[in-house]
C-alpha atoms as a PDB file:
ATOM      1  CA  UNK A   1      81.974  10.494 -10.122  1.00  0.00           C
ATOM      2  CA  UNK A   2      84.059  13.006  -8.321  1.00  0.00           C
ATOM      3  CA  UNK A   3      85.473  15.122 -11.153  1.00  0.00           C
ATOM      4  CA  UNK A   4      87.693  17.044  -8.650  1.00  0.00           C
ATOM      5  CA  UNK A   5      89.359  13.776  -7.729  1.00  0.00           C
ATOM      6  CA  UNK A   6      89.581  13.070 -11.444  1.00  0.00           C
ATOM      7  CA  UNK A   7      91.723  16.280 -11.989  1.00  0.00           C
ATOM      8  CA  UNK A   8      94.067  15.476  -9.091  1.00  0.00           C
ATOM      9  CA  UNK A   9      94.768  12.057 -10.327  1.00  0.00           C
ATOM     10  CA  UNK A  10      95.287  13.406 -13.965  1.00  0.00           C
ATOM     11  CA  UNK A  11      97.888  15.808 -12.506  1.00  0.00           C
ATOM     12  CA  UNK A  12      99.575  13.087 -10.400  1.00  0.00           C
ATOM     13  CA  UNK A  13      99.919  11.025 -13.538  1.00  0.00           C
ATOM     14  CA  UNK A  14     101.359  13.665 -15.662  1.00  0.00           C
ATOM     15  CA  UNK A  15     104.115  14.140 -12.884  1.00  0.00           C
ATOM     16  CA  UNK A  16     104.631  10.515 -12.814  1.00  0.00           C
ATOM     17  CA  UNK A  17     105.312  10.280 -16.425  1.00  0.00           C
ATOM     18  CA  UNK A  18     107.460  13.560 -16.271  1.00  0.00           C
ATOM     19  CA  UNK A  19     109.483  12.260 -13.349  1.00  0.00           C
ATOM     20  CA  UNK A  20     110.200   9.050 -15.130  1.00  0.00           C
ATOM     21  CA  UNK A  21     111.050  10.697 -18.335  1.00  0.00           C
ATOM     22  CA  UNK A  22     113.548  12.850 -16.418  1.00  0.00           C
ATOM     23  CA  UNK A  23     115.810   9.901 -15.919  1.00  0.00           C
ATOM     24  CA  UNK A  24     114.778   7.457 -18.807  1.00  0.00           C
ATOM     25  CA  UNK A  25     115.838   9.520 -21.903  1.00  0.00           C
ATOM     26  CA  UNK A  26     113.899   9.749 -24.955  1.00  0.00           C
ATOM     27  CA  UNK A  27     111.139   7.121 -23.955  1.00  0.00           C
ATOM     28  CA  UNK A  28     108.212   9.324 -23.082  1.00  0.00           C
ATOM     29  CA  UNK A  29     105.776   7.396 -25.127  1.00  0.00           C
ATOM     30  CA  UNK A  30     106.702   3.888 -23.716  1.00  0.00           C
ATOM     31  CA  UNK A  31     106.622   5.439 -20.205  1.00  0.00           C
ATOM     32  CA  UNK A  32     102.989   6.847 -20.650  1.00  0.00           C
ATOM     33  CA  UNK A  33     101.846   3.505 -22.179  1.00  0.00           C
ATOM     34  CA  UNK A  34     103.310   1.649 -19.278  1.00  0.00           C
ATOM     35  CA  UNK A  35     101.796   3.918 -16.824  1.00  0.00           C
ATOM     36  CA  UNK A  36      98.331   3.502 -18.309  1.00  0.00           C
ATOM     37  CA  UNK A  37      98.890  -0.250 -18.172  1.00  0.00           C
ATOM     38  CA  UNK A  38      99.638  -0.037 -14.330  1.00  0.00           C
ATOM     39  CA  UNK A  39      96.758   1.957 -13.573  1.00  0.00           C
ATOM     40  CA  UNK A  40      94.401  -0.427 -15.727  1.00  0.00           C
ATOM     41  CA  UNK A  41      95.558  -3.081 -13.466  1.00  0.00           C
ATOM     42  CA  UNK A  42      97.812  -4.916 -16.063  1.00  0.00           C
ATOM     43  CA  UNK A  43     101.184  -6.223 -16.745  1.00  0.00           C
ATOM     44  CA  UNK A  44     103.684  -5.454 -19.308  1.00  0.00           C
ATOM     45  CA  UNK A  45     106.023  -7.113 -21.504  1.00  0.00           C
ATOM     46  CA  UNK A  46     108.986  -5.278 -23.023  1.00  0.00           C
ATOM     47  CA  UNK A  47     110.353  -7.066 -26.199  1.00  0.00           C
ATOM     48  CA  UNK A  48     113.477  -5.541 -27.472  1.00  0.00           C
ATOM     49  CA  UNK A  49     117.319  -6.063 -27.717  1.00  0.00           C
ATOM     50  CA  UNK A  50     119.783  -5.971 -24.861  1.00  0.00           C
ATOM     51  CA  UNK A  51     120.955  -2.343 -23.842  1.00  0.00           C
ATOM     52  CA  UNK A  52     117.956  -0.378 -24.651  1.00  0.00           C
ATOM     53  CA  UNK A  53     117.134   0.469 -21.024  1.00  0.00           C
ATOM     54  CA  UNK A  54     114.246  -1.983 -20.259  1.00  0.00           C
ATOM     55  CA  UNK A  55     115.600  -2.839 -16.770  1.00  0.00           C
ATOM     56  CA  UNK A  56     116.403   0.870 -15.967  1.00  0.00           C
ATOM     57  CA  UNK A  57     113.077   1.847 -16.993  1.00  0.00           C
ATOM     58  CA  UNK A  58     111.569  -0.883 -14.410  1.00  0.00           C
ATOM     59  CA  UNK A  59     114.022   0.387 -11.690  1.00  0.00           C
ATOM     60  CA  UNK A  60     113.313   3.800 -12.130  1.00  0.00           C
ATOM     61  CA  UNK A  61     109.408   3.305 -12.350  1.00  0.00           C
ATOM     62  CA  UNK A  62     109.311   1.396  -9.197  1.00  0.00           C
ATOM     63  CA  UNK A  63     111.012   4.282  -7.160  1.00  0.00           C
ATOM     64  CA  UNK A  64     108.809   6.880  -8.710  1.00  0.00           C
ATOM     65  CA  UNK A  65     105.837   4.607  -7.861  1.00  0.00           C
ATOM     66  CA  UNK A  66     107.141   4.140  -4.366  1.00  0.00           C
ATOM     67  CA  UNK A  67     106.824   0.397  -4.840  1.00  0.00           C
ATOM     68  CA  UNK A  68     109.049  -2.487  -3.200  1.00  0.00           C
ATOM     69  CA  UNK A  69     110.955  -3.981  -6.207  1.00  0.00           C
ATOM     70  CA  UNK A  70     112.574  -7.226  -6.997  1.00  0.00           C
ATOM     71  CA  UNK A  71     114.340  -8.530  -9.949  1.00  0.00           C
ATOM     72  CA  UNK A  72     114.230 -12.151 -11.230  1.00  0.00           C
ATOM     73  CA  UNK A  73     116.996 -13.089 -13.899  1.00  0.00           C
ATOM     74  CA  UNK A  74     115.507 -16.130 -15.720  1.00  0.00           C
ATOM     75  CA  UNK A  75     117.710 -18.933 -16.705  1.00  0.00           C
ATOM     76  CA  UNK A  76     116.838 -22.353 -18.165  1.00  0.00           C
ATOM     77  CA  UNK A  77     117.623 -24.087 -14.702  1.00  0.00           C
ATOM     78  CA  UNK A  78     115.132 -21.623 -12.838  1.00  0.00           C
ATOM     79  CA  UNK A  79     112.775 -23.780 -10.936  1.00  0.00           C
ATOM     80  CA  UNK A  80     109.066 -22.643  -9.752  1.00  0.00           C
ATOM     81  CA  UNK A  81     110.205 -22.738  -6.147  1.00  0.00           C
ATOM     82  CA  UNK A  82     112.887 -20.208  -6.884  1.00  0.00           C
ATOM     83  CA  UNK A  83     110.273 -17.776  -7.852  1.00  0.00           C
ATOM     84  CA  UNK A  84     107.398 -18.622  -5.703  1.00  0.00           C
ATOM     85  CA  UNK A  85     109.249 -20.104  -2.522  1.00  0.00           C
ATOM     86  CA  UNK A  86     109.171 -23.061  -0.579  1.00  0.00           C
ATOM     87  CA  UNK A  87     108.711 -24.399   2.797  1.00  0.00           C
ATOM     88  CA  UNK A  88     112.166 -25.401   4.698  1.00  0.00           C
ATOM     89  CA  UNK A  89     112.407 -27.532   7.740  1.00  0.00           C
ATOM     90  CA  UNK A  90     113.909 -26.035  10.709  1.00  0.00           C
ATOM     91  CA  UNK A  91     115.418 -28.912  12.931  1.00  0.00           C
ATOM     92  CA  UNK A  92     115.689 -26.358  16.182  1.00  0.00           C
ATOM     93  CA  UNK A  93     111.898 -25.720  16.031  1.00  0.00           C
ATOM     94  CA  UNK A  94     110.913 -29.089  14.189  1.00  0.00           C
ATOM     95  CA  UNK A  95     108.708 -27.480  12.069  1.00  0.00           C
ATOM     96  CA  UNK A  96     108.431 -26.363   8.431  1.00  0.00           C
ATOM     97  CA  UNK A  97     108.768 -22.487   7.816  1.00  0.00           C
ATOM     98  CA  UNK A  98     107.774 -20.777   4.380  1.00  0.00           C
ATOM     99  CA  UNK A  99     110.963 -18.821   2.607  1.00  0.00           C
ATOM    100  CA  UNK A 100     109.263 -16.563   0.225  1.00  0.00           C
ATOM    101  CA  UNK A 101     110.517 -16.019  -3.402  1.00  0.00           C
ATOM    102  CA  UNK A 102     110.928 -12.790  -5.303  1.00  0.00           C
ATOM    103  CA  UNK A 103     107.124 -12.871  -6.462  1.00  0.00           C
ATOM    104  CA  UNK A 104     106.354 -11.480  -2.974  1.00  0.00           C
ATOM    105  CA  UNK A 105     106.954  -7.810  -3.997  1.00  0.00           C
ATOM    106  CA  UNK A 106     104.927  -5.039  -5.520  1.00  0.00           C
ATOM    107  CA  UNK A 107     106.790  -4.817  -8.797  1.00  0.00           C
ATOM    108  CA  UNK A 108     108.558  -7.859 -10.234  1.00  0.00           C
ATOM    109  CA  UNK A 109     110.928  -7.483 -13.051  1.00  0.00           C
ATOM    110  CA  UNK A 110     111.184 -10.670 -14.785  1.00  0.00           C
ATOM    111  CA  UNK A 111     114.294 -10.400 -16.837  1.00  0.00           C
ATOM    112  CA  UNK A 112     114.389 -12.317 -20.212  1.00  0.00           C
ATOM    113  CA  UNK A 113     111.223 -14.353 -19.632  1.00  0.00           C
ATOM    114  CA  UNK A 114     111.612 -16.372 -22.750  1.00  0.00           C
ATOM    115  CA  UNK A 115     114.947 -17.852 -21.321  1.00  0.00           C
ATOM    116  CA  UNK A 116     112.899 -19.694 -18.442  1.00  0.00           C
ATOM    117  CA  UNK A 117     111.428 -23.243 -19.047  1.00  0.00           C
ATOM    118  CA  UNK A 118     107.781 -23.654 -19.568  1.00  0.00           C
ATOM    119  CA  UNK A 119     107.338 -25.016 -16.103  1.00  0.00           C
ATOM    120  CA  UNK A 120     108.626 -21.808 -14.568  1.00  0.00           C
ATOM    121  CA  UNK A 121     106.663 -19.691 -16.797  1.00  0.00           C
ATOM    122  CA  UNK A 122     103.551 -21.318 -15.941  1.00  0.00           C
ATOM    123  CA  UNK A 123     104.235 -20.560 -12.393  1.00  0.00           C
ATOM    124  CA  UNK A 124     103.524 -17.090 -12.975  1.00  0.00           C
ATOM    125  CA  UNK A 125     100.033 -17.685 -14.493  1.00  0.00           C
ATOM    126  CA  UNK A 126      97.968 -17.947 -11.390  1.00  0.00           C
ATOM    127  CA  UNK A 127     100.063 -14.899  -9.864  1.00  0.00           C
ATOM    128  CA  UNK A 128      99.453 -12.594 -12.650  1.00  0.00           C
ATOM    129  CA  UNK A 129      95.889 -13.325 -13.137  1.00  0.00           C
ATOM    130  CA  UNK A 130      94.506 -14.196  -9.609  1.00  0.00           C
ATOM    131  CA  UNK A 131      96.958 -12.205  -7.336  1.00  0.00           C
ATOM    132  CA  UNK A 132      97.937 -15.240  -5.496  1.00  0.00           C
ATOM    133  CA  UNK A 133     100.021 -18.322  -5.484  1.00  0.00           C
ATOM    134  CA  UNK A 134      99.394 -21.924  -4.303  1.00  0.00           C
ATOM    135  CA  UNK A 135     102.508 -23.558  -2.774  1.00  0.00           C
ATOM    136  CA  UNK A 136     102.170 -27.209  -1.508  1.00  0.00           C
ATOM    137  CA  UNK A 137      98.479 -26.873  -0.963  1.00  0.00           C
ATOM    138  CA  UNK A 138      98.680 -23.233   0.867  1.00  0.00           C
ATOM    139  CA  UNK A 139      97.280 -20.346  -0.844  1.00  0.00           C
ATOM    140  CA  UNK A 140      98.746 -17.051  -0.242  1.00  0.00           C
ATOM    141  CA  UNK A 141      97.825 -13.655  -1.478  1.00  0.00           C
ATOM    142  CA  UNK A 142     100.447 -11.264  -3.149  1.00  0.00           C
ATOM    143  CA  UNK A 143     100.954  -7.717  -2.513  1.00  0.00           C
ATOM    144  CA  UNK A 144      98.433  -5.008  -3.826  1.00  0.00           C
ATOM    145  CA  UNK A 145      99.354  -3.646  -6.294  1.00  0.00           C
ATOM    146  CA  UNK A 146     101.139  -6.383  -7.655  1.00  0.00           C
ATOM    147  CA  UNK A 147     102.842  -5.767 -11.164  1.00  0.00           C
ATOM    148  CA  UNK A 148     104.775  -7.780 -13.578  1.00  0.00           C
ATOM    149  CA  UNK A 149     107.201  -6.063 -15.967  1.00  0.00           C
ATOM    150  CA  UNK A 150     108.828  -8.949 -18.244  1.00  0.00           C
ATOM    151  CA  UNK A 151     111.470  -8.624 -20.779  1.00  0.00           C
ATOM    152  CA  UNK A 152     112.005 -10.853 -23.641  1.00  0.00           C
ATOM    153  CA  UNK A 153     115.197 -10.860 -25.944  1.00  0.00           C
ATOM    154  CA  UNK A 154     113.908 -11.317 -29.677  1.00  0.00           C
ATOM    155  CA  UNK A 155     117.247 -12.018 -31.127  1.00  0.00           C
ATOM    156  CA  UNK A 156     118.593 -15.344 -29.866  1.00  0.00           C
ATOM    157  CA  UNK A 157     117.473 -18.516 -30.635  1.00  0.00           C
ATOM    158  CA  UNK A 158     119.697 -20.959 -28.219  1.00  0.00           C
ATOM    159  CA  UNK A 159     118.303 -21.566 -25.061  1.00  0.00           C
ATOM    160  CA  UNK A 160     115.093 -19.755 -25.864  1.00  0.00           C
ATOM    161  CA  UNK A 161     111.418 -20.857 -24.662  1.00  0.00           C
ATOM    162  CA  UNK A 162     108.948 -18.533 -26.664  1.00  0.00           C
ATOM    163  CA  UNK A 163     105.921 -17.833 -24.564  1.00  0.00           C
ATOM    164  CA  UNK A 164     102.736 -19.738 -25.242  1.00  0.00           C
ATOM    165  CA  UNK A 165      99.616 -17.727 -26.423  1.00  0.00           C
ATOM    166  CA  UNK A 166      98.017 -18.287 -22.693  1.00  0.00           C
ATOM    167  CA  UNK A 167     100.917 -16.701 -20.983  1.00  0.00           C
ATOM    168  CA  UNK A 168     101.148 -13.761 -23.784  1.00  0.00           C
ATOM    169  CA  UNK A 169      97.628 -13.339 -22.825  1.00  0.00           C
ATOM    170  CA  UNK A 170      98.383 -12.516 -19.297  1.00  0.00           C
ATOM    171  CA  UNK A 171     100.239  -9.247 -20.172  1.00  0.00           C
ATOM    172  CA  UNK A 172      97.844  -6.129 -20.848  1.00  0.00           C
ATOM    173  CA  UNK A 173     100.325  -4.803 -23.536  1.00  0.00           C
ATOM    174  CA  UNK A 174     103.348  -5.535 -25.152  1.00  0.00           C
ATOM    175  CA  UNK A 175     105.880  -2.605 -25.831  1.00  0.00           C
ATOM    176  CA  UNK A 176     109.055  -1.975 -27.503  1.00  0.00           C
ATOM    177  CA  UNK A 177     111.859   0.322 -26.209  1.00  0.00           C
ATOM    178  CA  UNK A 178     113.781   1.136 -29.640  1.00  0.00           C
ATOM    179  CA  UNK A 179     116.902   2.935 -30.186  1.00  0.00           C
ATOM    180  CA  UNK A 180     117.468   6.747 -29.210  1.00  0.00           C
ATOM    181  CA  UNK A 181     118.230   9.440 -31.349  1.00  0.00           C
ATOM    182  CA  UNK A 182     121.674  10.738 -31.935  1.00  0.00           C
ATOM    183  CA  UNK A 183     120.983  13.921 -29.728  1.00  0.00           C
ATOM    184  CA  UNK A 184     118.994  11.646 -26.834  1.00  0.00           C
ATOM    185  CA  UNK A 185     121.986   9.058 -26.858  1.00  0.00           C
ATOM    186  CA  UNK A 186     124.409  12.127 -26.176  1.00  0.00           C
ATOM    187  CA  UNK A 187     122.229  13.148 -23.430  1.00  0.00           C
ATOM    188  CA  UNK A 188     122.071   9.609 -22.052  1.00  0.00           C
ATOM    189  CA  UNK A 189     125.889   9.579 -21.745  1.00  0.00           C
ATOM    190  CA  UNK A 190     126.206  12.797 -20.013  1.00  0.00           C
ATOM    191  CA  UNK A 191     123.456  11.694 -17.391  1.00  0.00           C
ATOM    192  CA  UNK A 192     124.882   8.219 -16.819  1.00  0.00           C
ATOM    193  CA  UNK A 193     128.424   8.565 -17.308  1.00  0.00           C
ATOM    194  CA  UNK A 194     129.360  12.217 -16.562  1.00  0.00           C
ATOM    195  CA  UNK A 195     127.449  11.957 -13.227  1.00  0.00           C
ATOM    196  CA  UNK A 196     124.680  14.887 -14.315  1.00  0.00           C
ATOM    197  CA  UNK A 197     121.738  12.600 -12.977  1.00  0.00           C
ATOM    198  CA  UNK A 198     119.414  14.073 -10.739  1.00  0.00           C
ATOM    199  CA  UNK A 199     117.525  12.053  -7.784  1.00  0.00           C
ATOM    200  CA  UNK A 200     114.511  10.262  -8.080  1.00  0.00           C
ATOM    201  CA  UNK A 201     111.382  11.695  -6.652  1.00  0.00           C
ATOM    202  CA  UNK A 202     108.577   9.527  -5.474  1.00  0.00           C
ATOM    203  CA  UNK A 203     105.245  10.763  -6.834  1.00  0.00           C
ATOM    204  CA  UNK A 204     102.795   8.207  -5.887  1.00  0.00           C
ATOM    205  CA  UNK A 205     102.493   5.636  -2.936  1.00  0.00           C
ATOM    206  CA  UNK A 206     101.142   2.073  -3.461  1.00  0.00           C
ATOM    207  CA  UNK A 207      97.699   2.802  -1.761  1.00  0.00           C
ATOM    208  CA  UNK A 208      97.242   5.616  -4.060  1.00  0.00           C
ATOM    209  CA  UNK A 209      97.742   3.269  -7.103  1.00  0.00           C
ATOM    210  CA  UNK A 210      94.923   0.917  -5.756  1.00  0.00           C
ATOM    211  CA  UNK A 211      92.864   4.007  -5.593  1.00  0.00           C
ATOM    212  CA  UNK A 212      93.455   5.006  -9.043  1.00  0.00           C
ATOM    213  CA  UNK A 213      92.840   1.628 -10.394  1.00  0.00           C
ATOM    214  CA  UNK A 214      89.175   1.791  -8.844  1.00  0.00           C
ATOM    215  CA  UNK A 215      88.657   5.265 -10.310  1.00  0.00           C
ATOM    216  CA  UNK A 216      89.571   3.852 -13.767  1.00  0.00           C
ATOM    217  CA  UNK A 217      86.816   1.206 -13.398  1.00  0.00           C
ATOM    218  CA  UNK A 218      84.245   4.152 -12.889  1.00  0.00           C
ATOM    219  CA  UNK A 219      85.321   5.920 -16.050  1.00  0.00           C
ATOM    220  CA  UNK A 220      82.314   5.964 -18.259  1.00  0.00           C
ATOM    221  CA  UNK A 221      81.974   3.981 -21.594  1.00  0.00           C
ATOM    222  CA  UNK A 222      78.614   4.430 -23.548  1.00  0.00           C
ATOM    223  CA  UNK A 223      76.682   1.851 -25.151  1.00  0.00           C
ATOM    224  CA  UNK A 224      77.752   3.370 -28.466  1.00  0.00           C
ATOM    225  CA  UNK A 225      81.556   3.141 -27.314  1.00  0.00           C
ATOM    226  CA  UNK A 226      80.984  -0.464 -25.872  1.00  0.00           C
ATOM    227  CA  UNK A 227      79.487  -1.464 -29.414  1.00  0.00           C
ATOM    228  CA  UNK A 228      82.616   0.046 -31.184  1.00  0.00           C
ATOM    229  CA  UNK A 229      85.029  -1.717 -28.779  1.00  0.00           C
ATOM    230  CA  UNK A 230      83.241  -5.263 -29.602  1.00  0.00           C
ATOM    231  CA  UNK A 231      83.071  -4.497 -33.198  1.00  0.00           C
ATOM    232  CA  UNK A 232      86.729  -3.452 -33.440  1.00  0.00           C
ATOM    233  CA  UNK A 233      87.701  -6.942 -31.404  1.00  0.00           C
ATOM    234  CA  UNK A 234      85.355  -9.071 -33.425  1.00  0.00           C
ATOM    235  CA  UNK A 235      87.107  -7.673 -36.694  1.00  0.00           C
ATOM    236  CA  UNK A 236      90.171  -9.344 -35.881  1.00  0.00           C
ATOM    237  CA  UNK A 237      88.290 -12.733 -36.177  1.00  0.00           C
ATOM    238  CA  UNK A 238      86.931 -12.089 -39.663  1.00  0.00           C
ATOM    239  CA  UNK A 239      90.190 -10.938 -41.232  1.00  0.00           C
ATOM    240  CA  UNK A 240      91.606 -13.530 -43.776  1.00  0.00           C
ATOM    241  CA  UNK A 241      95.147 -12.863 -42.637  1.00  0.00           C
ATOM    242  CA  UNK A 242      94.470 -13.381 -38.992  1.00  0.00           C
ATOM    243  CA  UNK A 243      94.148 -17.178 -37.947  1.00  0.00           C
ATOM    244  CA  UNK A 244      93.089 -16.424 -34.146  1.00  0.00           C
ATOM    245  CA  UNK A 245      91.428 -13.114 -33.376  1.00  0.00           C
ATOM    246  CA  UNK A 246      90.770 -11.157 -30.315  1.00  0.00           C
ATOM    247  CA  UNK A 247      89.361 -13.252 -27.202  1.00  0.00           C
ATOM    248  CA  UNK A 248      86.722 -11.962 -24.982  1.00  0.00           C
ATOM    249  CA  UNK A 249      89.507 -11.492 -22.365  1.00  0.00           C
ATOM    250  CA  UNK A 250      91.312  -9.183 -24.968  1.00  0.00           C
ATOM    251  CA  UNK A 251      88.302  -7.167 -25.636  1.00  0.00           C
ATOM    252  CA  UNK A 252      87.972  -6.687 -21.751  1.00  0.00           C
ATOM    253  CA  UNK A 253      91.823  -5.436 -21.965  1.00  0.00           C
ATOM    254  CA  UNK A 254      91.035  -3.127 -24.532  1.00  0.00           C
ATOM    255  CA  UNK A 255      88.098  -1.621 -22.742  1.00  0.00           C
ATOM    256  CA  UNK A 256      90.176  -1.208 -19.373  1.00  0.00           C
ATOM    257  CA  UNK A 257      93.206   0.579 -21.223  1.00  0.00           C
ATOM    258  CA  UNK A 258      90.863   2.885 -23.177  1.00  0.00           C
ATOM    259  CA  UNK A 259      89.413   3.681 -19.708  1.00  0.00           C
ATOM    260  CA  UNK A 260      92.983   4.400 -18.163  1.00  0.00           C
ATOM    261  CA  UNK A 261      93.747   6.506 -21.208  1.00  0.00           C
ATOM    262  CA  UNK A 262      90.984   8.757 -20.663  1.00  0.00           C
ATOM    263  CA  UNK A 263      91.931   9.084 -16.947  1.00  0.00           C
ATOM    264  CA  UNK A 264      95.475  10.175 -18.127  1.00  0.00           C
ATOM    265  CA  UNK A 265      94.071  12.585 -20.491  1.00  0.00           C
ATOM    266  CA  UNK A 266      91.923  13.931 -17.526  1.00  0.00           C
ATOM    267  CA  UNK A 267      88.520  12.818 -18.826  1.00  0.00           C
ATOM    268  CA  UNK A 268      85.752  11.162 -16.923  1.00  0.00           C
ATOM    269  CA  UNK A 269      84.659   9.320 -20.105  1.00  0.00           C
ATOM    270  CA  UNK A 270      86.020   7.216 -22.937  1.00  0.00           C
ATOM    271  CA  UNK A 271      86.114   8.578 -26.638  1.00  0.00           C
ATOM    272  CA  UNK A 272      86.910   6.640 -29.803  1.00  0.00           C
ATOM    273  CA  UNK A 273      90.454   8.021 -30.165  1.00  0.00           C
ATOM    274  CA  UNK A 274      91.213   6.318 -26.622  1.00  0.00           C
ATOM    275  CA  UNK A 275      89.999   3.013 -28.184  1.00  0.00           C
ATOM    276  CA  UNK A 276      92.040   3.546 -31.179  1.00  0.00           C
ATOM    277  CA  UNK A 277      94.941   4.113 -29.243  1.00  0.00           C
ATOM    278  CA  UNK A 278      94.754   1.355 -27.128  1.00  0.00           C
ATOM    279  CA  UNK A 279      94.100  -1.112 -30.074  1.00  0.00           C
ATOM    280  CA  UNK A 280      97.575  -1.770 -31.128  1.00  0.00           C
ATOM    281  CA  UNK A 281      99.513  -2.336 -27.756  1.00  0.00           C
ATOM    282  CA  UNK A 282      96.789  -4.473 -26.268  1.00  0.00           C
ATOM    283  CA  UNK A 283      96.316  -6.570 -29.447  1.00  0.00           C
ATOM    284  CA  UNK A 284      99.405  -6.987 -31.167  1.00  0.00           C
ATOM    285  CA  UNK A 285     100.687  -9.995 -29.263  1.00  0.00           C
ATOM    286  CA  UNK A 286      97.534 -11.622 -29.066  1.00  0.00           C
ATOM    287  CA  UNK A 287      96.736 -12.415 -32.729  1.00  0.00           C
ATOM    288  CA  UNK A 288      98.149 -15.402 -34.539  1.00  0.00           C
ATOM    289  CA  UNK A 289      98.714 -14.909 -38.303  1.00  0.00           C
ATOM    290  CA  UNK A 290      97.928 -17.414 -41.008  1.00  0.00           C
ATOM    291  CA  UNK A 291     101.383 -19.094 -42.126  1.00  0.00           C
ATOM    292  CA  UNK A 292     100.892 -17.952 -45.718  1.00  0.00           C
ATOM    293  CA  UNK A 293     100.675 -14.459 -44.459  1.00  0.00           C
ATOM    294  CA  UNK A 294     104.240 -13.092 -44.679  1.00  0.00           C
ATOM    295  CA  UNK A 295     104.830  -9.918 -42.588  1.00  0.00           C
ATOM    296  CA  UNK A 296     107.619  -8.158 -44.499  1.00  0.00           C
ATOM    297  CA  UNK A 297     108.950  -5.572 -42.292  1.00  0.00           C
ATOM    298  CA  UNK A 298     107.001  -7.145 -39.453  1.00  0.00           C
ATOM    299  CA  UNK A 299     106.523  -4.068 -37.305  1.00  0.00           C
ATOM    300  CA  UNK A 300     105.379  -1.833 -40.128  1.00  0.00           C
ATOM    301  CA  UNK A 301     103.329  -4.645 -41.779  1.00  0.00           C
ATOM    302  CA  UNK A 302     101.474  -5.253 -38.381  1.00  0.00           C
ATOM    303  CA  UNK A 303     100.663  -1.493 -37.981  1.00  0.00           C
ATOM    304  CA  UNK A 304      99.441  -1.274 -41.408  1.00  0.00           C
ATOM    305  CA  UNK A 305      97.300  -4.217 -40.850  1.00  0.00           C
ATOM    306  CA  UNK A 306      95.833  -2.497 -37.574  1.00  0.00           C
ATOM    307  CA  UNK A 307      95.372   0.564 -39.227  1.00  0.00           C
ATOM    308  CA  UNK A 308      93.236  -1.078 -41.527  1.00  0.00           C
ATOM    309  CA  UNK A 309      90.997  -2.971 -39.186  1.00  0.00           C
ATOM    310  CA  UNK A 310      90.518   0.263 -37.374  1.00  0.00           C
ATOM    311  CA  UNK A 311      89.560   2.193 -40.667  1.00  0.00           C
ATOM    312  CA  UNK A 312      87.215  -0.743 -41.655  1.00  0.00           C
ATOM    313  CA  UNK A 313      84.900  -0.214 -38.451  1.00  0.00           C
ATOM    314  CA  UNK A 314      82.570   2.642 -38.227  1.00  0.00           C
ATOM    315  CA  UNK A 315      83.375   5.095 -35.483  1.00  0.00           C
ATOM    316  CA  UNK A 316      80.069   5.972 -33.321  1.00  0.00           C
ATOM    317  CA  UNK A 317      78.968   9.840 -33.792  1.00  0.00           C
ATOM    318  CA  UNK A 318      77.466  11.660 -30.943  1.00  0.00           C
ATOM    319  CA  UNK A 319      74.103  12.551 -31.803  1.00  0.00           C
ATOM    320  CA  UNK A 320      73.194  16.310 -31.254  1.00  0.00           C
ATOM    321  CA  UNK A 321      69.666  17.341 -30.373  1.00  0.00           C
ATOM    322  CA  UNK A 322      68.422  19.896 -32.420  1.00  0.00           C
END
């Protein structure tokens, strides 16, 4: 592996996080996790209350990454054709022509995805997993890169269609924005309402994102680390509070996210701390808990359970030759 090129991408990724953080106040950690998910080749689900900056973050990230951007506002009457596109007959030419939907872009923001009916939600499955869509028997490739950032509103219950496990599994990570501190909210008001914002600088180009994704696949994962990743994933299947644990796909996702973290930190190899850091954002939306296990203070209880799972799996120790 070219270590010089690793350093180049490491610096680029640092600049990318810093530039995005200049425009999205107080969300450095969320931005970093989103960047890692993107270079790992995954999609992101942002679940939080309205008004926390989810849409602004997606738009800013698209500009910093130099990506084409489209937004899809989900409603219960949205049809698959509204997302994918359809063939329209032109009488003058006496032929059908394809009219593409918003999915034909590089970064697609699917706003309030849990407001869309299951039929529309399922239309995203092939696109998110395969990077292509099939419309009236015609298979069409999507752009590369193709990234879905979906938002979900966890508060309302009317007109809401919870995502099925198969759809949730298509997202590499599920993240939460949260509220800003008092000082950060003041800074946000100054930048947005008092016109103190700066121009957004593009840090990467789409072709560079594809190159970085290829580099991520080459980040070294030793045999001991592979065994550790598998044991950590399998431990979720053996816990009496978890009904359905990590799938093989989830373990693959954990590996790719840990590799991307290593690149972000400027390393050519994965260490156990990368795996530990990746464990919660990759797994927290994939596990199904037993009904009799009540999550009091859900986020805190989940975090405590994940910390327990990590603590119960021995960490591989590097053997030093004497």
